[in-house]
Amino acid sequence: MLAIFLKTLPFFALIGLGWLAGRLRMFPEAATEYLTRFVFYFALSAMLFRFAAQLSLGEIFDARFAMAYLSGCLAVYLLVTLVARLRGLPMTEAAVEAQCAVIGNTGFLGVPLLTALLGARAVGPVLMVLSIDLIVFSSLITLIITGAREGRISPRIFRVLGLGLLHNPMIVSMVAGLAVSALEWPLPAPVDEFLTILGAAATPGALFAIGTSLATKSAERLSVALWLSFAKLVLHPAAVAVAALFVFSVERQAAGVMIAAAALPVAGNVYILARHYGVAPNRVSAAILVSTVFSILTVSLVVAWITGV
């Protein structure tokens, strides 16, 4: 456990450094926005493209893996939605809370952290988790909020969802990389070196950006934030573990990566969606802050359990 904690510590130290820079106003909110854009559109996309170009579709997509992850996510999603409704919250707020419980920071934190801790074997499963989060659950919250507000699901929303996926650089880079792999096009050495250098900026850039964004968040409504953090850091990986290991019998290494990905803290894009729709952004902000702090321990515990360290 100590060995894994010491390995994860530098990653979270980068987040802490970003937080400190943000709190000291050395890195203002506008700078965070532009750093995030650089990581999102360039560095992380280069990393994902290069990963995908080295894999076949079969190494990323596995039906049992997908069903196990979706089943675990949906179980927690429904539980958190039910708890929110029992508290008297409208369906829009319940959907946002449920999103907090199942969408981890896979892109900015999970990809660099889990591939570093678990090696090349983690790449395919992590990309699968990221794809499900982006395609299934980002679409689901949009459908729920729009349907709850308009009283129906119009065909127009599916066009919006489709365009949103086409404009997402993480989706585009993974699809492009898989296309290169399927066509068996070797990456020329200068191109591979370019992608390696650019992709290397994703890890420090993403972690620093997470930290600076946390500097602007507060822990208001702490009781709700603690509940959502518990759902994300404990219930979500537990449900995914049960589905992967006991229901769908996913291969153990892939199941371990899936469980570790489920143990990641609440993703920043949940806050972006909450702010966009004007639904409980402060609550989401607090959940991101609290879950990120506690994930220093929970991610280390889960990875130590998976690796047997």
C-alpha atoms as a PDB file:
ATOM      1  CA  MET A   1       0.000   0.000   0.000  1.00  0.00           C
ATOM      2  CA  LEU A   2       2.777   2.434   0.933  1.00  0.00           C
ATOM      3  CA  ALA A   3       4.603   1.732  -2.340  1.00  0.00           C
ATOM      4  CA  ILE A   4       1.487   2.526  -4.396  1.00  0.00           C
ATOM      5  CA  PHE A   5       0.759   5.624  -2.330  1.00  0.00           C
ATOM      6  CA  LEU A   6       4.287   6.899  -2.953  1.00  0.00           C
ATOM      7  CA  LYS A   7       3.817   6.295  -6.701  1.00  0.00           C
ATOM      8  CA  THR A   8       0.530   8.190  -6.788  1.00  0.00           C
ATOM      9  CA  LEU A   9       1.812  11.010  -4.587  1.00  0.00           C
ATOM     10  CA  PRO A  10       3.685  12.894  -7.364  1.00  0.00           C
ATOM     11  CA  PHE A  11       0.518  12.971  -9.484  1.00  0.00           C
ATOM     12  CA  PHE A  12      -1.529  14.472  -6.667  1.00  0.00           C
ATOM     13  CA  ALA A  13       1.380  16.756  -5.757  1.00  0.00           C
ATOM     14  CA  LEU A  14       1.056  18.267  -9.252  1.00  0.00           C
ATOM     15  CA  ILE A  15      -2.634  18.853  -8.547  1.00  0.00           C
ATOM     16  CA  GLY A  16      -1.667  20.460  -5.230  1.00  0.00           C
ATOM     17  CA  LEU A  17       0.881  22.678  -6.951  1.00  0.00           C
ATOM     18  CA  GLY A  18      -1.785  23.866  -9.380  1.00  0.00           C
ATOM     19  CA  TRP A  19      -4.170  24.521  -6.492  1.00  0.00           C
ATOM     20  CA  LEU A  20      -1.514  26.555  -4.688  1.00  0.00           C
ATOM     21  CA  ALA A  21      -0.770  28.581  -7.828  1.00  0.00           C
ATOM     22  CA  GLY A  22      -4.474  29.273  -8.201  1.00  0.00           C
ATOM     23  CA  ARG A  23      -4.962  30.265  -4.559  1.00  0.00           C
ATOM     24  CA  LEU A  24      -1.968  32.617  -4.712  1.00  0.00           C
ATOM     25  CA  ARG A  25      -3.405  34.102  -7.927  1.00  0.00           C
ATOM     26  CA  MET A  26      -0.200  33.264  -9.758  1.00  0.00           C
ATOM     27  CA  PHE A  27      -2.385  31.395 -12.224  1.00  0.00           C
ATOM     28  CA  PRO A  28      -5.678  33.246 -12.756  1.00  0.00           C
ATOM     29  CA  GLU A  29      -8.903  31.657 -13.951  1.00  0.00           C
ATOM     30  CA  ALA A  30      -8.348  32.824 -17.537  1.00  0.00           C
ATOM     31  CA  ALA A  31      -4.954  31.097 -17.598  1.00  0.00           C
ATOM     32  CA  THR A  32      -6.571  27.883 -16.342  1.00  0.00           C
ATOM     33  CA  GLU A  33      -9.079  28.028 -19.185  1.00  0.00           C
ATOM     34  CA  TYR A  34      -6.355  28.339 -21.812  1.00  0.00           C
ATOM     35  CA  LEU A  35      -4.189  25.647 -20.228  1.00  0.00           C
ATOM     36  CA  THR A  36      -7.207  23.339 -20.181  1.00  0.00           C
ATOM     37  CA  ARG A  37      -7.824  24.049 -23.866  1.00  0.00           C
ATOM     38  CA  PHE A  38      -4.207  23.233 -24.713  1.00  0.00           C
ATOM     39  CA  VAL A  39      -4.384  19.935 -22.843  1.00  0.00           C
ATOM     40  CA  PHE A  40      -7.856  19.031 -24.136  1.00  0.00           C
ATOM     41  CA  TYR A  41      -7.386  19.886 -27.807  1.00  0.00           C
ATOM     42  CA  PHE A  42      -3.675  19.193 -28.286  1.00  0.00           C
ATOM     43  CA  ALA A  43      -1.650  17.358 -25.623  1.00  0.00           C
ATOM     44  CA  LEU A  44      -4.237  14.832 -24.427  1.00  0.00           C
ATOM     45  CA  SER A  45      -5.533  14.314 -27.959  1.00  0.00           C
ATOM     46  CA  ALA A  46      -1.990  13.528 -29.141  1.00  0.00           C
ATOM     47  CA  MET A  47      -1.573  11.031 -26.304  1.00  0.00           C
ATOM     48  CA  LEU A  48      -4.899   9.322 -27.025  1.00  0.00           C
ATOM     49  CA  PHE A  49      -4.248   9.209 -30.781  1.00  0.00           C
ATOM     50  CA  ARG A  50      -0.859   7.594 -30.262  1.00  0.00           C
ATOM     51  CA  PHE A  51      -2.272   5.067 -27.783  1.00  0.00           C
ATOM     52  CA  ALA A  52      -5.136   4.139 -30.113  1.00  0.00           C
ATOM     53  CA  ALA A  53      -2.860   3.897 -33.161  1.00  0.00           C
ATOM     54  CA  GLN A  54      -0.888   1.197 -31.355  1.00  0.00           C
ATOM     55  CA  LEU A  55      -3.972  -0.876 -30.525  1.00  0.00           C
ATOM     56  CA  SER A  56      -6.569  -2.811 -32.487  1.00  0.00           C
ATOM     57  CA  LEU A  57     -10.289  -2.321 -31.929  1.00  0.00           C
ATOM     58  CA  GLY A  58     -10.389  -5.739 -30.264  1.00  0.00           C
ATOM     59  CA  GLU A  59      -7.833  -4.614 -27.688  1.00  0.00           C
ATOM     60  CA  ILE A  60     -10.092  -1.718 -26.697  1.00  0.00           C
ATOM     61  CA  PHE A  61     -13.634  -3.017 -27.133  1.00  0.00           C
ATOM     62  CA  ASP A  62     -14.806  -6.075 -25.227  1.00  0.00           C
ATOM     63  CA  ALA A  63     -18.544  -6.730 -24.907  1.00  0.00           C
ATOM     64  CA  ARG A  64     -18.362  -8.280 -21.433  1.00  0.00           C
ATOM     65  CA  PHE A  65     -16.162  -5.427 -20.236  1.00  0.00           C
ATOM     66  CA  ALA A  66     -18.628  -2.865 -21.594  1.00  0.00           C
ATOM     67  CA  MET A  67     -21.644  -4.620 -20.057  1.00  0.00           C
ATOM     68  CA  ALA A  68     -19.923  -4.969 -16.681  1.00  0.00           C
ATOM     69  CA  TYR A  69     -18.925  -1.315 -16.541  1.00  0.00           C
ATOM     70  CA  LEU A  70     -22.333  -0.114 -17.741  1.00  0.00           C
ATOM     71  CA  SER A  71     -24.152  -2.364 -15.242  1.00  0.00           C
ATOM     72  CA  GLY A  72     -22.093  -1.132 -12.297  1.00  0.00           C
ATOM     73  CA  CYS A  73     -22.511   2.483 -13.374  1.00  0.00           C
ATOM     74  CA  LEU A  74     -26.259   2.189 -13.895  1.00  0.00           C
ATOM     75  CA  ALA A  75     -26.762   0.555 -10.485  1.00  0.00           C
ATOM     76  CA  VAL A  76     -25.084   3.509  -8.744  1.00  0.00           C
ATOM     77  CA  TYR A  77     -26.718   6.013 -11.106  1.00  0.00           C
ATOM     78  CA  LEU A  78     -30.187   4.711 -10.215  1.00  0.00           C
ATOM     79  CA  LEU A  79     -29.404   4.581  -6.476  1.00  0.00           C
ATOM     80  CA  VAL A  80     -28.162   8.175  -6.352  1.00  0.00           C
ATOM     81  CA  THR A  81     -31.105   9.316  -8.479  1.00  0.00           C
ATOM     82  CA  LEU A  82     -33.518   7.586  -6.079  1.00  0.00           C
ATOM     83  CA  VAL A  83     -31.865   9.173  -3.024  1.00  0.00           C
ATOM     84  CA  ALA A  84     -32.065  12.600  -4.663  1.00  0.00           C
ATOM     85  CA  ARG A  85     -35.739  12.160  -5.510  1.00  0.00           C
ATOM     86  CA  LEU A  86     -36.499  10.987  -1.949  1.00  0.00           C
ATOM     87  CA  ARG A  87     -34.888  14.246  -0.771  1.00  0.00           C
ATOM     88  CA  GLY A  88     -37.456  16.080  -2.874  1.00  0.00           C
ATOM     89  CA  LEU A  89     -35.102  17.227  -5.632  1.00  0.00           C
ATOM     90  CA  PRO A  90     -36.354  17.752  -9.197  1.00  0.00           C
ATOM     91  CA  MET A  91     -35.258  15.294 -11.882  1.00  0.00           C
ATOM     92  CA  THR A  92     -32.729  17.749 -13.330  1.00  0.00           C
ATOM     93  CA  GLU A  93     -30.827  18.009 -10.039  1.00  0.00           C
ATOM     94  CA  ALA A  94     -31.121  14.267  -9.456  1.00  0.00           C
ATOM     95  CA  ALA A  95     -29.523  13.647 -12.863  1.00  0.00           C
ATOM     96  CA  VAL A  96     -26.622  15.962 -12.070  1.00  0.00           C
ATOM     97  CA  GLU A  97     -26.000  14.246  -8.721  1.00  0.00           C
ATOM     98  CA  ALA A  98     -26.142  10.842 -10.412  1.00  0.00           C
ATOM     99  CA  GLN A  99     -23.619  12.079 -12.964  1.00  0.00           C
ATOM    100  CA  CYS A 100     -21.267  13.021 -10.129  1.00  0.00           C
ATOM    101  CA  ALA A 101     -21.514   9.473  -8.797  1.00  0.00           C
ATOM    102  CA  VAL A 102     -20.439   7.678 -11.980  1.00  0.00           C
ATOM    103  CA  ILE A 103     -18.283  10.011 -14.099  1.00  0.00           C
ATOM    104  CA  GLY A 104     -14.675  10.059 -12.972  1.00  0.00           C
ATOM    105  CA  ASN A 105     -11.836  12.242 -14.162  1.00  0.00           C
ATOM    106  CA  THR A 106     -10.695   9.578 -16.624  1.00  0.00           C
ATOM    107  CA  GLY A 107      -9.363  11.879 -19.332  1.00  0.00           C
ATOM    108  CA  PHE A 108      -7.235  14.313 -17.332  1.00  0.00           C
ATOM    109  CA  LEU A 109      -6.315  12.082 -14.366  1.00  0.00           C
ATOM    110  CA  GLY A 110      -7.123   8.466 -15.210  1.00  0.00           C
ATOM    111  CA  VAL A 111      -5.253   8.117 -18.500  1.00  0.00           C
ATOM    112  CA  PRO A 112      -1.879   9.399 -17.231  1.00  0.00           C
ATOM    113  CA  LEU A 113      -2.192   7.989 -13.700  1.00  0.00           C
ATOM    114  CA  LEU A 114      -3.429   4.476 -14.476  1.00  0.00           C
ATOM    115  CA  THR A 115      -1.151   3.922 -17.456  1.00  0.00           C
ATOM    116  CA  ALA A 116       1.795   4.981 -15.278  1.00  0.00           C
ATOM    117  CA  LEU A 117       0.772   2.751 -12.354  1.00  0.00           C
ATOM    118  CA  LEU A 118      -0.552  -0.282 -14.247  1.00  0.00           C
ATOM    119  CA  GLY A 119       1.524  -0.164 -17.424  1.00  0.00           C
ATOM    120  CA  ALA A 120       0.658  -0.644 -21.090  1.00  0.00           C
ATOM    121  CA  ARG A 121      -1.979  -3.264 -20.242  1.00  0.00           C
ATOM    122  CA  ALA A 122      -4.152  -0.480 -18.824  1.00  0.00           C
ATOM    123  CA  VAL A 123      -4.366   1.543 -22.042  1.00  0.00           C
ATOM    124  CA  GLY A 124      -7.130  -0.407 -23.817  1.00  0.00           C
ATOM    125  CA  PRO A 125      -9.454  -0.707 -20.783  1.00  0.00           C
ATOM    126  CA  VAL A 126      -8.941   2.958 -19.821  1.00  0.00           C
ATOM    127  CA  LEU A 127      -9.842   4.078 -23.350  1.00  0.00           C
ATOM    128  CA  MET A 128     -12.941   1.860 -23.191  1.00  0.00           C
ATOM    129  CA  VAL A 129     -14.052   3.453 -19.913  1.00  0.00           C
ATOM    130  CA  LEU A 130     -13.404   6.917 -21.322  1.00  0.00           C
ATOM    131  CA  SER A 131     -15.446   6.131 -24.434  1.00  0.00           C
ATOM    132  CA  ILE A 132     -18.424   4.887 -22.411  1.00  0.00           C
ATOM    133  CA  ASP A 133     -18.323   7.935 -20.150  1.00  0.00           C
ATOM    134  CA  LEU A 134     -18.188  10.335 -23.097  1.00  0.00           C
ATOM    135  CA  ILE A 135     -20.681   8.613 -25.381  1.00  0.00           C
ATOM    136  CA  VAL A 136     -23.235   7.065 -23.024  1.00  0.00           C
ATOM    137  CA  PHE A 137     -23.383   9.162 -19.865  1.00  0.00           C
ATOM    138  CA  SER A 138     -22.646  12.584 -21.324  1.00  0.00           C
ATOM    139  CA  SER A 139     -25.526  11.918 -23.718  1.00  0.00           C
ATOM    140  CA  LEU A 140     -27.766  10.540 -20.959  1.00  0.00           C
ATOM    141  CA  ILE A 141     -27.609  13.637 -18.752  1.00  0.00           C
ATOM    142  CA  THR A 142     -28.374  15.859 -21.736  1.00  0.00           C
ATOM    143  CA  LEU A 143     -31.413  13.743 -22.618  1.00  0.00           C
ATOM    144  CA  ILE A 144     -32.698  13.712 -19.022  1.00  0.00           C
ATOM    145  CA  ILE A 145     -32.319  17.451 -18.395  1.00  0.00           C
ATOM    146  CA  THR A 146     -33.737  18.418 -21.797  1.00  0.00           C
ATOM    147  CA  GLY A 147     -36.602  15.952 -21.481  1.00  0.00           C
ATOM    148  CA  ALA A 148     -37.439  17.085 -17.944  1.00  0.00           C
ATOM    149  CA  ARG A 149     -37.507  20.736 -18.986  1.00  0.00           C
ATOM    150  CA  GLU A 150     -39.341  20.355 -22.281  1.00  0.00           C
ATOM    151  CA  GLY A 151     -41.564  17.456 -21.248  1.00  0.00           C
ATOM    152  CA  ARG A 152     -40.433  15.400 -24.240  1.00  0.00           C
ATOM    153  CA  ILE A 153     -37.378  14.250 -26.189  1.00  0.00           C
ATOM    154  CA  SER A 154     -37.308  15.991 -29.562  1.00  0.00           C
ATOM    155  CA  PRO A 155     -35.374  14.637 -32.580  1.00  0.00           C
ATOM    156  CA  ARG A 156     -33.348  17.867 -32.538  1.00  0.00           C
ATOM    157  CA  ILE A 157     -31.544  16.816 -29.375  1.00  0.00           C
ATOM    158  CA  PHE A 158     -30.087  13.735 -31.077  1.00  0.00           C
ATOM    159  CA  ARG A 159     -28.566  15.964 -33.751  1.00  0.00           C
ATOM    160  CA  VAL A 160     -27.039  18.123 -31.020  1.00  0.00           C
ATOM    161  CA  LEU A 161     -25.644  15.022 -29.274  1.00  0.00           C
ATOM    162  CA  GLY A 162     -24.171  13.690 -32.519  1.00  0.00           C
ATOM    163  CA  LEU A 163     -22.486  16.983 -33.345  1.00  0.00           C
ATOM    164  CA  GLY A 164     -21.169  17.230 -29.795  1.00  0.00           C
ATOM    165  CA  LEU A 165     -19.482  13.827 -30.100  1.00  0.00           C
ATOM    166  CA  LEU A 166     -18.019  14.720 -33.500  1.00  0.00           C
ATOM    167  CA  HIS A 167     -16.563  17.913 -32.038  1.00  0.00           C
ATOM    168  CA  ASN A 168     -15.061  16.204 -28.979  1.00  0.00           C
ATOM    169  CA  PRO A 169     -11.295  15.962 -29.610  1.00  0.00           C
ATOM    170  CA  MET A 170     -10.903  12.926 -27.332  1.00  0.00           C
ATOM    171  CA  ILE A 171     -13.443  10.941 -29.352  1.00  0.00           C
ATOM    172  CA  VAL A 172     -12.016  12.164 -32.657  1.00  0.00           C
ATOM    173  CA  SER A 173      -8.416  11.377 -31.687  1.00  0.00           C
ATOM    174  CA  MET A 174      -9.277   7.842 -30.522  1.00  0.00           C
ATOM    175  CA  VAL A 175     -11.294   7.089 -33.668  1.00  0.00           C
ATOM    176  CA  ALA A 176      -8.523   8.495 -35.884  1.00  0.00           C
ATOM    177  CA  GLY A 177      -5.921   6.432 -34.055  1.00  0.00           C
ATOM    178  CA  LEU A 178      -7.966   3.259 -34.432  1.00  0.00           C
ATOM    179  CA  ALA A 179      -8.389   3.998 -38.143  1.00  0.00           C
ATOM    180  CA  VAL A 180      -4.616   4.269 -38.536  1.00  0.00           C
ATOM    181  CA  SER A 181      -4.243   0.993 -36.653  1.00  0.00           C
ATOM    182  CA  ALA A 182      -6.905  -0.772 -38.744  1.00  0.00           C
ATOM    183  CA  LEU A 183      -5.265   0.373 -41.982  1.00  0.00           C
ATOM    184  CA  GLU A 184      -1.912  -0.831 -40.602  1.00  0.00           C
ATOM    185  CA  TRP A 185      -0.252   2.478 -41.384  1.00  0.00           C
ATOM    186  CA  PRO A 186       2.983   2.780 -39.427  1.00  0.00           C
ATOM    187  CA  LEU A 187       3.546   6.206 -37.966  1.00  0.00           C
ATOM    188  CA  PRO A 188       6.607   7.846 -39.558  1.00  0.00           C
ATOM    189  CA  ALA A 189       9.365   8.398 -37.005  1.00  0.00           C
ATOM    190  CA  PRO A 190       9.074  12.226 -37.017  1.00  0.00           C
ATOM    191  CA  VAL A 191       5.290  11.991 -36.547  1.00  0.00           C
ATOM    192  CA  ASP A 192       5.642   9.501 -33.711  1.00  0.00           C
ATOM    193  CA  GLU A 193       8.270  11.676 -32.038  1.00  0.00           C
ATOM    194  CA  PHE A 194       6.062  14.761 -32.442  1.00  0.00           C
ATOM    195  CA  LEU A 195       3.102  12.966 -30.851  1.00  0.00           C
ATOM    196  CA  THR A 196       5.313  11.643 -28.055  1.00  0.00           C
ATOM    197  CA  ILE A 197       6.633  15.108 -27.189  1.00  0.00           C
ATOM    198  CA  LEU A 198       3.205  16.750 -27.393  1.00  0.00           C
ATOM    199  CA  GLY A 199       1.495  13.914 -25.513  1.00  0.00           C
ATOM    200  CA  ALA A 200       4.077  14.120 -22.737  1.00  0.00           C
ATOM    201  CA  ALA A 201       2.729  17.570 -21.907  1.00  0.00           C
ATOM    202  CA  ALA A 202      -0.703  16.064 -21.174  1.00  0.00           C
ATOM    203  CA  THR A 203       0.149  14.605 -17.776  1.00  0.00           C
ATOM    204  CA  PRO A 204       1.691  17.649 -16.033  1.00  0.00           C
ATOM    205  CA  GLY A 205      -0.582  20.053 -17.896  1.00  0.00           C
ATOM    206  CA  ALA A 206      -3.771  18.167 -17.054  1.00  0.00           C
ATOM    207  CA  LEU A 207      -2.895  17.643 -13.395  1.00  0.00           C
ATOM    208  CA  PHE A 208      -1.828  21.267 -12.940  1.00  0.00           C
ATOM    209  CA  ALA A 209      -5.058  22.407 -14.618  1.00  0.00           C
ATOM    210  CA  ILE A 210      -7.112  20.208 -12.272  1.00  0.00           C
ATOM    211  CA  GLY A 211      -5.411  21.884  -9.324  1.00  0.00           C
ATOM    212  CA  THR A 212      -5.894  25.449 -10.545  1.00  0.00           C
ATOM    213  CA  SER A 213      -9.556  24.747 -11.270  1.00  0.00           C
ATOM    214  CA  LEU A 214     -10.014  23.369  -7.739  1.00  0.00           C
ATOM    215  CA  ALA A 215      -8.657  26.653  -6.337  1.00  0.00           C
ATOM    216  CA  THR A 216     -11.854  28.387  -7.453  1.00  0.00           C
ATOM    217  CA  LYS A 217     -14.166  25.754  -5.969  1.00  0.00           C
ATOM    218  CA  SER A 218     -15.669  25.779  -2.491  1.00  0.00           C
ATOM    219  CA  ALA A 219     -16.968  23.074  -0.169  1.00  0.00           C
ATOM    220  CA  GLU A 220     -20.475  24.482   0.200  1.00  0.00           C
ATOM    221  CA  ARG A 221     -23.223  22.002   1.130  1.00  0.00           C
ATOM    222  CA  LEU A 222     -20.584  19.719   2.599  1.00  0.00           C
ATOM    223  CA  SER A 223     -23.008  16.958   3.618  1.00  0.00           C
ATOM    224  CA  VAL A 224     -24.201  16.485   0.033  1.00  0.00           C
ATOM    225  CA  ALA A 225     -20.631  16.699  -1.285  1.00  0.00           C
ATOM    226  CA  LEU A 226     -19.561  13.983   1.172  1.00  0.00           C
ATOM    227  CA  TRP A 227     -22.459  11.750   0.073  1.00  0.00           C
ATOM    228  CA  LEU A 228     -21.660  12.206  -3.618  1.00  0.00           C
ATOM    229  CA  SER A 229     -17.949  11.641  -2.955  1.00  0.00           C
ATOM    230  CA  PHE A 230     -18.778   8.433  -1.061  1.00  0.00           C
ATOM    231  CA  ALA A 231     -20.935   7.293  -3.968  1.00  0.00           C
ATOM    232  CA  LYS A 232     -18.159   8.040  -6.466  1.00  0.00           C
ATOM    233  CA  LEU A 233     -15.136   6.779  -4.547  1.00  0.00           C
ATOM    234  CA  VAL A 234     -16.677   3.789  -2.742  1.00  0.00           C
ATOM    235  CA  LEU A 235     -20.034   2.714  -4.179  1.00  0.00           C
ATOM    236  CA  HIS A 236     -19.057   3.137  -7.829  1.00  0.00           C
ATOM    237  CA  PRO A 237     -15.887   0.983  -7.767  1.00  0.00           C
ATOM    238  CA  ALA A 238     -17.644  -1.555  -5.509  1.00  0.00           C
ATOM    239  CA  ALA A 239     -20.569  -1.917  -7.930  1.00  0.00           C
ATOM    240  CA  VAL A 240     -18.237  -2.154 -10.911  1.00  0.00           C
ATOM    241  CA  ALA A 241     -16.129  -4.778  -9.093  1.00  0.00           C
ATOM    242  CA  VAL A 242     -19.172  -6.944  -8.383  1.00  0.00           C
ATOM    243  CA  ALA A 243     -20.371  -6.676 -11.991  1.00  0.00           C
ATOM    244  CA  ALA A 244     -16.929  -7.333 -13.495  1.00  0.00           C
ATOM    245  CA  LEU A 245     -15.710 -10.132 -11.225  1.00  0.00           C
ATOM    246  CA  PHE A 246     -18.900 -11.977 -10.235  1.00  0.00           C
ATOM    247  CA  VAL A 247     -21.529 -11.279 -12.889  1.00  0.00           C
ATOM    248  CA  PHE A 248     -19.713 -10.944 -16.216  1.00  0.00           C
ATOM    249  CA  SER A 249     -16.404 -12.673 -15.320  1.00  0.00           C
ATOM    250  CA  VAL A 250     -14.233 -10.062 -16.997  1.00  0.00           C
ATOM    251  CA  GLU A 251     -10.565 -11.011 -17.362  1.00  0.00           C
ATOM    252  CA  ARG A 252      -8.929 -10.057 -14.081  1.00  0.00           C
ATOM    253  CA  GLN A 253      -6.374  -7.538 -15.343  1.00  0.00           C
ATOM    254  CA  ALA A 254      -8.953  -5.667 -17.401  1.00  0.00           C
ATOM    255  CA  ALA A 255     -11.397  -5.806 -14.474  1.00  0.00           C
ATOM    256  CA  GLY A 256      -8.737  -4.295 -12.220  1.00  0.00           C
ATOM    257  CA  VAL A 257      -8.223  -1.356 -14.552  1.00  0.00           C
ATOM    258  CA  MET A 258     -11.993  -0.849 -14.765  1.00  0.00           C
ATOM    259  CA  ILE A 259     -12.341  -0.824 -10.983  1.00  0.00           C
ATOM    260  CA  ALA A 260      -9.427   1.606 -10.621  1.00  0.00           C
ATOM    261  CA  ALA A 261     -10.998   3.907 -13.219  1.00  0.00           C
ATOM    262  CA  ALA A 262     -14.276   3.785 -11.296  1.00  0.00           C
ATOM    263  CA  ALA A 263     -12.420   4.914  -8.162  1.00  0.00           C
ATOM    264  CA  LEU A 264     -11.353   8.222  -9.735  1.00  0.00           C
ATOM    265  CA  PRO A 265     -12.795  11.494  -8.365  1.00  0.00           C
ATOM    266  CA  VAL A 266     -15.688  13.390  -9.947  1.00  0.00           C
ATOM    267  CA  ALA A 267     -14.805  14.736 -13.387  1.00  0.00           C
ATOM    268  CA  GLY A 268     -14.550  18.430 -14.118  1.00  0.00           C
ATOM    269  CA  ASN A 269     -16.798  18.136 -17.163  1.00  0.00           C
ATOM    270  CA  VAL A 270     -19.738  17.412 -14.835  1.00  0.00           C
ATOM    271  CA  TYR A 271     -19.297  20.940 -13.490  1.00  0.00           C
ATOM    272  CA  ILE A 272     -19.178  22.301 -17.045  1.00  0.00           C
ATOM    273  CA  LEU A 273     -22.480  20.587 -17.842  1.00  0.00           C
ATOM    274  CA  ALA A 274     -24.046  21.716 -14.556  1.00  0.00           C
ATOM    275  CA  ARG A 275     -23.005  25.306 -15.209  1.00  0.00           C
ATOM    276  CA  HIS A 276     -24.175  25.110 -18.831  1.00  0.00           C
ATOM    277  CA  TYR A 277     -27.655  23.956 -17.814  1.00  0.00           C
ATOM    278  CA  GLY A 278     -27.763  26.070 -14.632  1.00  0.00           C
ATOM    279  CA  VAL A 279     -28.375  23.018 -12.431  1.00  0.00           C
ATOM    280  CA  ALA A 280     -26.600  22.847  -9.034  1.00  0.00           C
ATOM    281  CA  PRO A 281     -23.112  23.967 -10.166  1.00  0.00           C
ATOM    282  CA  ASN A 282     -22.026  24.807  -6.582  1.00  0.00           C
ATOM    283  CA  ARG A 283     -23.020  21.341  -5.413  1.00  0.00           C
ATOM    284  CA  VAL A 284     -20.994  19.744  -8.198  1.00  0.00           C
ATOM    285  CA  SER A 285     -18.061  22.051  -7.480  1.00  0.00           C
ATOM    286  CA  ALA A 286     -18.012  20.923  -3.851  1.00  0.00           C
ATOM    287  CA  ALA A 287     -18.242  17.251  -4.862  1.00  0.00           C
ATOM    288  CA  ILE A 288     -15.265  17.636  -7.217  1.00  0.00           C
ATOM    289  CA  LEU A 289     -13.189  19.292  -4.490  1.00  0.00           C
ATOM    290  CA  VAL A 290     -14.032  16.792  -1.755  1.00  0.00           C
ATOM    291  CA  SER A 291     -13.740  13.684  -3.954  1.00  0.00           C
ATOM    292  CA  THR A 292     -10.381  14.818  -5.352  1.00  0.00           C
ATOM    293  CA  VAL A 293      -8.963  15.296  -1.845  1.00  0.00           C
ATOM    294  CA  PHE A 294     -10.140  11.893  -0.611  1.00  0.00           C
ATOM    295  CA  SER A 295      -9.136  10.130  -3.831  1.00  0.00           C
ATOM    296  CA  ILE A 296      -5.482  10.501  -2.813  1.00  0.00           C
ATOM    297  CA  LEU A 297      -6.173   7.636  -0.393  1.00  0.00           C
ATOM    298  CA  THR A 298      -8.963   5.741  -2.141  1.00  0.00           C
ATOM    299  CA  VAL A 299      -7.205   5.454  -5.513  1.00  0.00           C
ATOM    300  CA  SER A 300      -4.058   4.225  -3.759  1.00  0.00           C
ATOM    301  CA  LEU A 301      -6.095   1.634  -1.815  1.00  0.00           C
ATOM    302  CA  VAL A 302      -7.868   0.350  -4.932  1.00  0.00           C
ATOM    303  CA  VAL A 303      -4.685   0.127  -7.003  1.00  0.00           C
ATOM    304  CA  ALA A 304      -2.864  -1.590  -4.106  1.00  0.00           C
ATOM    305  CA  TRP A 305      -5.709  -4.124  -3.872  1.00  0.00           C
ATOM    306  CA  ILE A 306      -5.645  -4.731  -7.624  1.00  0.00           C
ATOM    307  CA  THR A 307      -1.898  -5.191  -7.835  1.00  0.00           C
ATOM    308  CA  GLY A 308      -1.619  -7.077  -4.560  1.00  0.00           C
ATOM    309  CA  VAL A 309       1.007  -4.669  -3.237  1.00  0.00           C
END
